[in-house]
Structure formats: C-alpha cells, structure tokens
Amino acid sequence: MKNIENIKSKKNALVAGLFYLALIIVGMYGFVYALPQIKIEGDISQTVDNIKNNPFVFRIGIFSILVMNVISILLVTYLYKLLSPLNKTMGLSMLLLMLFGAGISLVNEVNHFAMIVINSIDDLSITESQNLTELFSTIYEYGAHIAVIFWGLWLFPLGFLIFKLDTRISEFIGVMLVIAGVGYTLDSIFLFLYPNLQVPTLSDYTFLGEFLLTIWLLVKSKTIEKLTLSRMYKI
C-alpha cells in the first residue's frame, strides 16, 4: 500500500473551496442585490422603468449570473477530481448534473437580454413594452427553476461522496447536502405542478449544507485530501 503521507497534495479541496466561496458571493450579489433592484415582483411597470433608467445595473446583475455559472463549472470540475476516485458513477453524475444546470442557466440569461432590447426600442408603446417584458420575465423564471432542478439533483451524489469520507463531520455535511438538494428540487416541482400553491421557499431553510461544505473545504483542505486518498486505497 502506498504511503498516504508521502503523496503530494493536489490541493483540489482548497481550490474547490475557493470556487465555492466565489460562487456564493457572486451569486448572492446577482440574485439578492443587483437583479432585485431592477425586477420588482408584481410590478411590471416599475420593472420597465428600472430597466430603462438603470440598464447598467441590470447588465451587471446579468453578468454576475453568467460569471456564477462559469465558476460553478470550475467548481464541479475540481470536486470531480477530488471525489470521483471514491465512486466513479457518483462522481460522473455530480459532474453532468451541474453541467446541465449551468448550461441551462447560461442560456436562460438570453431572456434578461431580451428585456433590455425590448425596452430600448422606441417604436414600442408602453403597453407593448410592459407585455413583452412580462412575457420574457415569466419565461426566465420558469427557465431558472428548470436549472434549479439540476442544482438540487447534483447535491445528491455530492452528498453521497462527502458522506463516504466516513468521518462524523463529513457524514453530517453529506446529509445536509442531500437535504439542500431536496429543498431546491421540491421548490421547482411545486412551481411546475402547483403554480398557485402558496408555500414557503424550502431552499431558504435547507441551504446550510453548501455553506458548511465551503467552510470545511477551506479550513480542512489537507485533511480532506488525505481522507480521499485513504478511502481510495482501501477500495
């Protein structure tokens, strides 16, 4: 058996942690700060005015979402390199599910750009601008929830792989990741099947696992690398 201590660390865990932290920061800026300044839920008239008066803020919000998705691709690449030796099938499932989610989210931003184009056309009446803006905004919301399904599903194999590291903290984080995945997935299912059902957004209460994993990857990266190697050589 190879000596785990003598194997050079590849720092996949640390890099993945840094990418996860960047993803959270950029994503929160876009979804929580920038876009809500422009898109006012239930008030399409104010939304149109905001797009026309502050197109740069809207573009920054869109750009942050694009960057977030690029970061997510880099993140899952390093997580795959770190964890796939534990279980190739789960590793590949994790990779493909995140890639699908990121791809859908990237393409979906076309709807936001369409909203900018619509509100830059002088020949459209106010009513036409509002109707078209509402149309593309609605399409965007459904597209975003399709992406969220994959953002939820990728956490299931990720949670399994983290759980497989077989320590108390990894098992706890693994379970919390699966719970987060359930929250994201159910949010989208409720929207598609029961659009008029008034239920709280579950992912607002189940996302903790991702934050815990990010902190663990950053603080205990060397330990995680050793755990991965030790489990791999037991297989």
C-alpha atoms as a PDB file:
ATOM      1  CA  MET A   1       0.000   0.000   0.000  1.00  0.00           C
ATOM      2  CA  LYS A   2       1.225   3.487  -0.824  1.00  0.00           C
ATOM      3  CA  ASN A   3       2.223   5.821   1.987  1.00  0.00           C
ATOM      4  CA  ILE A   4      -0.507   8.486   2.073  1.00  0.00           C
ATOM      5  CA  GLU A   5       1.748  10.974   3.849  1.00  0.00           C
ATOM      6  CA  ASN A   6       4.282  10.896   1.012  1.00  0.00           C
ATOM      7  CA  ILE A   7       1.803  11.599  -1.769  1.00  0.00           C
ATOM      8  CA  LYS A   8       1.975  15.201  -2.951  1.00  0.00           C
ATOM      9  CA  SER A   9      -1.231  17.101  -2.254  1.00  0.00           C
ATOM     10  CA  LYS A  10      -3.006  18.295  -5.381  1.00  0.00           C
ATOM     11  CA  LYS A  11      -4.946  20.994  -3.481  1.00  0.00           C
ATOM     12  CA  ASN A  12      -8.198  20.081  -5.226  1.00  0.00           C
ATOM     13  CA  ALA A  13     -10.117  20.551  -1.968  1.00  0.00           C
ATOM     14  CA  LEU A  14      -8.721  24.033  -1.347  1.00  0.00           C
ATOM     15  CA  VAL A  15      -9.352  25.193  -4.923  1.00  0.00           C
ATOM     16  CA  ALA A  16     -12.873  23.760  -4.808  1.00  0.00           C
ATOM     17  CA  GLY A  17     -13.494  25.625  -1.547  1.00  0.00           C
ATOM     18  CA  LEU A  18     -12.296  28.896  -3.066  1.00  0.00           C
ATOM     19  CA  PHE A  19     -14.524  28.408  -6.099  1.00  0.00           C
ATOM     20  CA  TYR A  20     -17.493  27.547  -3.869  1.00  0.00           C
ATOM     21  CA  LEU A  21     -16.917  30.727  -1.841  1.00  0.00           C
ATOM     22  CA  ALA A  22     -16.656  32.802  -5.028  1.00  0.00           C
ATOM     23  CA  LEU A  23     -19.837  31.189  -6.374  1.00  0.00           C
ATOM     24  CA  ILE A  24     -21.760  32.082  -3.208  1.00  0.00           C
ATOM     25  CA  ILE A  25     -20.528  35.681  -3.191  1.00  0.00           C
ATOM     26  CA  VAL A  26     -21.130  36.344  -6.890  1.00  0.00           C
ATOM     27  CA  GLY A  27     -24.459  34.508  -6.887  1.00  0.00           C
ATOM     28  CA  MET A  28     -25.746  36.416  -3.869  1.00  0.00           C
ATOM     29  CA  TYR A  29     -24.687  39.711  -5.429  1.00  0.00           C
ATOM     30  CA  GLY A  30     -26.631  38.916  -8.599  1.00  0.00           C
ATOM     31  CA  PHE A  31     -29.723  37.246  -7.179  1.00  0.00           C
ATOM     32  CA  VAL A  32     -30.035  39.098  -3.862  1.00  0.00           C
ATOM     33  CA  TYR A  33     -28.673  42.580  -4.617  1.00  0.00           C
ATOM     34  CA  ALA A  34     -28.422  43.567  -8.295  1.00  0.00           C
ATOM     35  CA  LEU A  35     -31.407  41.950 -10.014  1.00  0.00           C
ATOM     36  CA  PRO A  36     -33.959  42.757  -7.254  1.00  0.00           C
ATOM     37  CA  GLN A  37     -33.112  46.436  -7.741  1.00  0.00           C
ATOM     38  CA  ILE A  38     -34.460  46.167 -11.293  1.00  0.00           C
ATOM     39  CA  LYS A  39     -37.049  43.384 -11.298  1.00  0.00           C
ATOM     40  CA  ILE A  40     -39.868  44.270  -8.928  1.00  0.00           C
ATOM     41  CA  GLU A  41     -42.097  41.258  -8.307  1.00  0.00           C
ATOM     42  CA  GLY A  42     -45.721  42.020  -9.118  1.00  0.00           C
ATOM     43  CA  ASP A  43     -44.958  45.475 -10.558  1.00  0.00           C
ATOM     44  CA  ILE A  44     -44.070  45.201 -14.244  1.00  0.00           C
ATOM     45  CA  SER A  45     -44.496  48.953 -14.749  1.00  0.00           C
ATOM     46  CA  GLN A  46     -41.784  49.728 -12.193  1.00  0.00           C
ATOM     47  CA  THR A  47     -39.612  46.960 -13.635  1.00  0.00           C
ATOM     48  CA  VAL A  48     -39.798  48.515 -17.094  1.00  0.00           C
ATOM     49  CA  ASP A  49     -38.923  51.934 -15.678  1.00  0.00           C
ATOM     50  CA  ASN A  50     -35.961  50.454 -13.809  1.00  0.00           C
ATOM     51  CA  ILE A  51     -34.641  48.715 -16.936  1.00  0.00           C
ATOM     52  CA  LYS A  52     -34.866  51.924 -18.942  1.00  0.00           C
ATOM     53  CA  ASN A  53     -33.369  54.136 -16.234  1.00  0.00           C
ATOM     54  CA  ASN A  54     -30.705  51.752 -14.905  1.00  0.00           C
ATOM     55  CA  PRO A  55     -29.692  49.390 -17.728  1.00  0.00           C
ATOM     56  CA  PHE A  56     -26.104  49.204 -16.432  1.00  0.00           C
ATOM     57  CA  VAL A  57     -27.220  47.838 -13.041  1.00  0.00           C
ATOM     58  CA  PHE A  58     -29.319  45.236 -14.869  1.00  0.00           C
ATOM     59  CA  ARG A  59     -26.366  44.286 -17.075  1.00  0.00           C
ATOM     60  CA  ILE A  60     -24.118  43.933 -14.021  1.00  0.00           C
ATOM     61  CA  GLY A  61     -26.698  41.625 -12.469  1.00  0.00           C
ATOM     62  CA  ILE A  62     -26.862  39.526 -15.638  1.00  0.00           C
ATOM     63  CA  PHE A  63     -23.075  39.431 -15.889  1.00  0.00           C
ATOM     64  CA  SER A  64     -22.780  38.250 -12.284  1.00  0.00           C
ATOM     65  CA  ILE A  65     -25.099  35.321 -13.027  1.00  0.00           C
ATOM     66  CA  LEU A  66     -23.037  34.405 -16.089  1.00  0.00           C
ATOM     67  CA  VAL A  67     -19.847  34.522 -14.011  1.00  0.00           C
ATOM     68  CA  MET A  68     -21.507  32.468 -11.266  1.00  0.00           C
ATOM     69  CA  ASN A  69     -22.296  29.706 -13.739  1.00  0.00           C
ATOM     70  CA  VAL A  70     -18.757  29.679 -15.133  1.00  0.00           C
ATOM     71  CA  ILE A  71     -17.462  29.401 -11.565  1.00  0.00           C
ATOM     72  CA  SER A  72     -19.871  26.515 -10.918  1.00  0.00           C
ATOM     73  CA  ILE A  73     -18.378  24.618 -13.864  1.00  0.00           C
ATOM     74  CA  LEU A  74     -14.869  25.118 -12.477  1.00  0.00           C
ATOM     75  CA  LEU A  75     -16.100  24.134  -9.014  1.00  0.00           C
ATOM     76  CA  VAL A  76     -17.623  20.848 -10.080  1.00  0.00           C
ATOM     77  CA  THR A  77     -14.521  20.058 -12.141  1.00  0.00           C
ATOM     78  CA  TYR A  78     -12.309  20.254  -9.059  1.00  0.00           C
ATOM     79  CA  LEU A  79     -14.828  18.405  -6.902  1.00  0.00           C
ATOM     80  CA  TYR A  80     -14.888  15.666  -9.531  1.00  0.00           C
ATOM     81  CA  LYS A  81     -11.087  15.434  -9.458  1.00  0.00           C
ATOM     82  CA  LEU A  82     -11.193  15.279  -5.669  1.00  0.00           C
ATOM     83  CA  LEU A  83     -14.076  12.869  -5.085  1.00  0.00           C
ATOM     84  CA  SER A  84     -14.567  10.715  -8.189  1.00  0.00           C
ATOM     85  CA  PRO A  85     -11.927   8.159  -7.103  1.00  0.00           C
ATOM     86  CA  LEU A  86     -14.341   7.223  -4.294  1.00  0.00           C
ATOM     87  CA  ASN A  87     -17.099   6.303  -6.743  1.00  0.00           C
ATOM     88  CA  LYS A  88     -16.788   6.990 -10.468  1.00  0.00           C
ATOM     89  CA  THR A  89     -20.517   6.683 -11.159  1.00  0.00           C
ATOM     90  CA  MET A  90     -21.488   9.176  -8.462  1.00  0.00           C
ATOM     91  CA  GLY A  91     -18.655  11.477  -9.482  1.00  0.00           C
ATOM     92  CA  LEU A  92     -19.789  11.485 -13.107  1.00  0.00           C
ATOM     93  CA  SER A  93     -23.426  12.001 -12.074  1.00  0.00           C
ATOM     94  CA  MET A  94     -22.410  15.000  -9.970  1.00  0.00           C
ATOM     95  CA  LEU A  95     -20.413  16.455 -12.854  1.00  0.00           C
ATOM     96  CA  LEU A  96     -23.093  16.007 -15.515  1.00  0.00           C
ATOM     97  CA  LEU A  97     -25.949  17.312 -13.362  1.00  0.00           C
ATOM     98  CA  MET A  98     -24.070  20.514 -12.528  1.00  0.00           C
ATOM     99  CA  LEU A  99     -23.046  20.987 -16.164  1.00  0.00           C
ATOM    100  CA  PHE A 100     -26.668  20.654 -17.273  1.00  0.00           C
ATOM    101  CA  GLY A 101     -27.802  23.138 -14.640  1.00  0.00           C
ATOM    102  CA  ALA A 102     -25.087  25.654 -15.504  1.00  0.00           C
ATOM    103  CA  GLY A 103     -25.753  25.312 -19.226  1.00  0.00           C
ATOM    104  CA  ILE A 104     -29.481  25.903 -18.826  1.00  0.00           C
ATOM    105  CA  SER A 105     -28.870  28.895 -16.550  1.00  0.00           C
ATOM    106  CA  LEU A 106     -26.391  30.435 -19.006  1.00  0.00           C
ATOM    107  CA  VAL A 107     -28.777  30.118 -21.944  1.00  0.00           C
ATOM    108  CA  ASN A 108     -31.660  31.380 -19.807  1.00  0.00           C
ATOM    109  CA  GLU A 109     -29.955  34.760 -19.394  1.00  0.00           C
ATOM    110  CA  VAL A 110     -30.907  35.438 -23.026  1.00  0.00           C
ATOM    111  CA  ASN A 111     -34.359  36.283 -21.637  1.00  0.00           C
ATOM    112  CA  HIS A 112     -32.856  39.042 -19.498  1.00  0.00           C
ATOM    113  CA  PHE A 113     -31.012  40.461 -22.502  1.00  0.00           C
ATOM    114  CA  ALA A 114     -34.284  40.334 -24.446  1.00  0.00           C
ATOM    115  CA  MET A 115     -35.848  42.519 -21.746  1.00  0.00           C
ATOM    116  CA  ILE A 116     -33.091  45.095 -22.278  1.00  0.00           C
ATOM    117  CA  VAL A 117     -33.531  45.052 -26.052  1.00  0.00           C
ATOM    118  CA  ILE A 118     -37.320  45.405 -25.787  1.00  0.00           C
ATOM    119  CA  ASN A 119     -37.023  48.459 -23.575  1.00  0.00           C
ATOM    120  CA  SER A 120     -34.513  50.114 -25.881  1.00  0.00           C
ATOM    121  CA  ILE A 121     -36.911  50.071 -28.866  1.00  0.00           C
ATOM    122  CA  ASP A 122     -38.530  53.498 -29.182  1.00  0.00           C
ATOM    123  CA  ASP A 123     -41.313  52.358 -31.535  1.00  0.00           C
ATOM    124  CA  LEU A 124     -42.974  50.155 -28.911  1.00  0.00           C
ATOM    125  CA  SER A 125     -45.808  51.579 -26.861  1.00  0.00           C
ATOM    126  CA  ILE A 126     -45.692  51.462 -23.065  1.00  0.00           C
ATOM    127  CA  THR A 127     -48.253  48.647 -23.045  1.00  0.00           C
ATOM    128  CA  GLU A 128     -46.307  46.636 -25.610  1.00  0.00           C
ATOM    129  CA  SER A 129     -43.071  47.102 -23.680  1.00  0.00           C
ATOM    130  CA  GLN A 130     -44.694  46.016 -20.453  1.00  0.00           C
ATOM    131  CA  ASN A 131     -46.393  42.977 -22.001  1.00  0.00           C
ATOM    132  CA  LEU A 132     -43.218  41.764 -23.728  1.00  0.00           C
ATOM    133  CA  THR A 133     -41.099  42.417 -20.651  1.00  0.00           C
ATOM    134  CA  GLU A 134     -43.538  40.430 -18.513  1.00  0.00           C
ATOM    135  CA  LEU A 135     -43.505  37.604 -21.075  1.00  0.00           C
ATOM    136  CA  PHE A 136     -39.729  37.254 -21.089  1.00  0.00           C
ATOM    137  CA  SER A 137     -39.567  37.693 -17.318  1.00  0.00           C
ATOM    138  CA  THR A 138     -42.030  34.821 -16.883  1.00  0.00           C
ATOM    139  CA  ILE A 139     -40.113  32.629 -19.327  1.00  0.00           C
ATOM    140  CA  TYR A 140     -36.938  33.452 -17.396  1.00  0.00           C
ATOM    141  CA  GLU A 141     -38.478  32.375 -14.085  1.00  0.00           C
ATOM    142  CA  TYR A 142     -39.504  29.004 -15.483  1.00  0.00           C
ATOM    143  CA  GLY A 143     -36.094  28.546 -17.086  1.00  0.00           C
ATOM    144  CA  ALA A 144     -34.418  29.383 -13.787  1.00  0.00           C
ATOM    145  CA  HIS A 145     -36.483  26.755 -11.985  1.00  0.00           C
ATOM    146  CA  ILE A 146     -35.510  24.157 -14.591  1.00  0.00           C
ATOM    147  CA  ALA A 147     -31.875  24.963 -13.797  1.00  0.00           C
ATOM    148  CA  VAL A 148     -32.650  24.787 -10.066  1.00  0.00           C
ATOM    149  CA  ILE A 149     -33.806  21.180 -10.514  1.00  0.00           C
ATOM    150  CA  PHE A 150     -30.292  20.257 -11.648  1.00  0.00           C
ATOM    151  CA  TRP A 151     -28.711  22.463  -8.957  1.00  0.00           C
ATOM    152  CA  GLY A 152     -30.694  20.388  -6.493  1.00  0.00           C
ATOM    153  CA  LEU A 153     -30.025  16.994  -8.052  1.00  0.00           C
ATOM    154  CA  TRP A 154     -26.243  17.446  -8.238  1.00  0.00           C
ATOM    155  CA  LEU A 155     -26.161  17.751  -4.441  1.00  0.00           C
ATOM    156  CA  PHE A 156     -27.364  14.145  -4.049  1.00  0.00           C
ATOM    157  CA  PRO A 157     -24.227  12.475  -5.499  1.00  0.00           C
ATOM    158  CA  LEU A 158     -22.071  15.181  -3.923  1.00  0.00           C
ATOM    159  CA  GLY A 159     -23.639  14.465  -0.540  1.00  0.00           C
ATOM    160  CA  PHE A 160     -23.100  10.734  -1.055  1.00  0.00           C
ATOM    161  CA  LEU A 161     -19.417  11.233  -1.867  1.00  0.00           C
ATOM    162  CA  ILE A 162     -18.830  13.540   1.092  1.00  0.00           C
ATOM    163  CA  PHE A 163     -20.656  11.073   3.376  1.00  0.00           C
ATOM    164  CA  LYS A 164     -18.407   8.314   2.044  1.00  0.00           C
ATOM    165  CA  LEU A 165     -15.353  10.026   3.565  1.00  0.00           C
ATOM    166  CA  ASP A 166     -16.614   8.350   6.738  1.00  0.00           C
ATOM    167  CA  THR A 167     -15.997  10.891   9.493  1.00  0.00           C
ATOM    168  CA  ARG A 168     -18.600  12.431  11.750  1.00  0.00           C
ATOM    169  CA  ILE A 169     -18.288  15.866  10.173  1.00  0.00           C
ATOM    170  CA  SER A 170     -18.291  14.519   6.609  1.00  0.00           C
ATOM    171  CA  GLU A 171     -21.345  12.374   7.334  1.00  0.00           C
ATOM    172  CA  PHE A 172     -23.179  15.367   8.821  1.00  0.00           C
ATOM    173  CA  ILE A 173     -22.297  17.621   5.878  1.00  0.00           C
ATOM    174  CA  GLY A 174     -23.231  14.860   3.426  1.00  0.00           C
ATOM    175  CA  VAL A 175     -26.695  14.565   4.957  1.00  0.00           C
ATOM    176  CA  MET A 176     -27.098  18.357   4.979  1.00  0.00           C
ATOM    177  CA  LEU A 177     -26.184  18.493   1.281  1.00  0.00           C
ATOM    178  CA  VAL A 178     -28.874  15.952   0.453  1.00  0.00           C
ATOM    179  CA  ILE A 179     -31.386  17.981   2.463  1.00  0.00           C
ATOM    180  CA  ALA A 180     -30.356  21.079   0.479  1.00  0.00           C
ATOM    181  CA  GLY A 181     -30.858  19.125  -2.742  1.00  0.00           C
ATOM    182  CA  VAL A 182     -34.345  18.110  -1.624  1.00  0.00           C
ATOM    183  CA  GLY A 183     -35.194  21.748  -0.925  1.00  0.00           C
ATOM    184  CA  TYR A 184     -34.106  23.004  -4.357  1.00  0.00           C
ATOM    185  CA  THR A 185     -35.822  20.152  -6.176  1.00  0.00           C
ATOM    186  CA  LEU A 186     -39.127  20.472  -4.320  1.00  0.00           C
ATOM    187  CA  ASP A 187     -39.189  24.243  -4.912  1.00  0.00           C
ATOM    188  CA  SER A 188     -39.173  23.643  -8.669  1.00  0.00           C
ATOM    189  CA  ILE A 189     -41.644  20.758  -8.532  1.00  0.00           C
ATOM    190  CA  PHE A 190     -44.121  22.899  -6.596  1.00  0.00           C
ATOM    191  CA  LEU A 191     -43.779  25.707  -9.146  1.00  0.00           C
ATOM    192  CA  PHE A 192     -44.357  23.445 -12.141  1.00  0.00           C
ATOM    193  CA  LEU A 193     -47.132  21.257 -10.733  1.00  0.00           C
ATOM    194  CA  TYR A 194     -48.842  23.653  -8.306  1.00  0.00           C
ATOM    195  CA  PRO A 195     -48.069  27.209  -9.515  1.00  0.00           C
ATOM    196  CA  ASN A 196     -50.846  28.753  -7.426  1.00  0.00           C
ATOM    197  CA  LEU A 197     -49.920  26.939  -4.228  1.00  0.00           C
ATOM    198  CA  GLN A 198     -48.694  29.373  -1.582  1.00  0.00           C
ATOM    199  CA  VAL A 199     -45.812  27.583   0.126  1.00  0.00           C
ATOM    200  CA  PRO A 200     -42.569  28.979   1.580  1.00  0.00           C
ATOM    201  CA  THR A 201     -39.402  28.607  -0.484  1.00  0.00           C
ATOM    202  CA  LEU A 202     -37.915  25.475   1.059  1.00  0.00           C
ATOM    203  CA  SER A 203     -34.370  26.154  -0.134  1.00  0.00           C
ATOM    204  CA  ASP A 204     -34.348  29.293   2.046  1.00  0.00           C
ATOM    205  CA  TYR A 205     -34.239  26.898   5.004  1.00  0.00           C
ATOM    206  CA  THR A 206     -32.276  23.935   3.613  1.00  0.00           C
ATOM    207  CA  PHE A 207     -29.197  25.525   2.022  1.00  0.00           C
ATOM    208  CA  LEU A 208     -26.940  25.247   5.082  1.00  0.00           C
ATOM    209  CA  GLY A 209     -25.099  22.187   3.774  1.00  0.00           C
ATOM    210  CA  GLU A 210     -23.438  24.152   0.986  1.00  0.00           C
ATOM    211  CA  PHE A 211     -22.106  26.764   3.393  1.00  0.00           C
ATOM    212  CA  LEU A 212     -20.804  24.056   5.727  1.00  0.00           C
ATOM    213  CA  LEU A 213     -19.071  22.261   2.856  1.00  0.00           C
ATOM    214  CA  THR A 214     -17.452  25.506   1.685  1.00  0.00           C
ATOM    215  CA  ILE A 215     -16.059  26.241   5.147  1.00  0.00           C
ATOM    216  CA  TRP A 216     -14.875  22.640   5.576  1.00  0.00           C
ATOM    217  CA  LEU A 217     -13.121  22.642   2.208  1.00  0.00           C
ATOM    218  CA  LEU A 218     -11.318  25.879   3.035  1.00  0.00           C
ATOM    219  CA  VAL A 219     -10.382  25.100   6.643  1.00  0.00           C
ATOM    220  CA  LYS A 220      -9.651  21.357   6.383  1.00  0.00           C
ATOM    221  CA  SER A 221      -8.493  21.002   2.766  1.00  0.00           C
ATOM    222  CA  LYS A 222      -5.387  18.961   3.608  1.00  0.00           C
ATOM    223  CA  THR A 223      -7.365  16.634   5.859  1.00  0.00           C
ATOM    224  CA  ILE A 224      -9.963  16.101   3.133  1.00  0.00           C
ATOM    225  CA  GLU A 225      -7.262  15.296   0.581  1.00  0.00           C
ATOM    226  CA  LYS A 226      -5.804  12.681   2.942  1.00  0.00           C
ATOM    227  CA  LEU A 227      -9.254  11.247   3.678  1.00  0.00           C
ATOM    228  CA  THR A 228      -9.958  10.909  -0.023  1.00  0.00           C
ATOM    229  CA  LEU A 229      -6.663   9.165  -0.659  1.00  0.00           C
ATOM    230  CA  SER A 230      -7.033   6.842   2.316  1.00  0.00           C
ATOM    231  CA  ARG A 231     -10.544   5.796   1.262  1.00  0.00           C
ATOM    232  CA  MET A 232      -9.411   5.349  -2.331  1.00  0.00           C
ATOM    233  CA  TYR A 233      -6.603   2.972  -1.442  1.00  0.00           C
ATOM    234  CA  LYS A 234      -8.971   0.896   0.702  1.00  0.00           C
ATOM    235  CA  ILE A 235     -11.117   0.200  -2.382  1.00  0.00           C
END
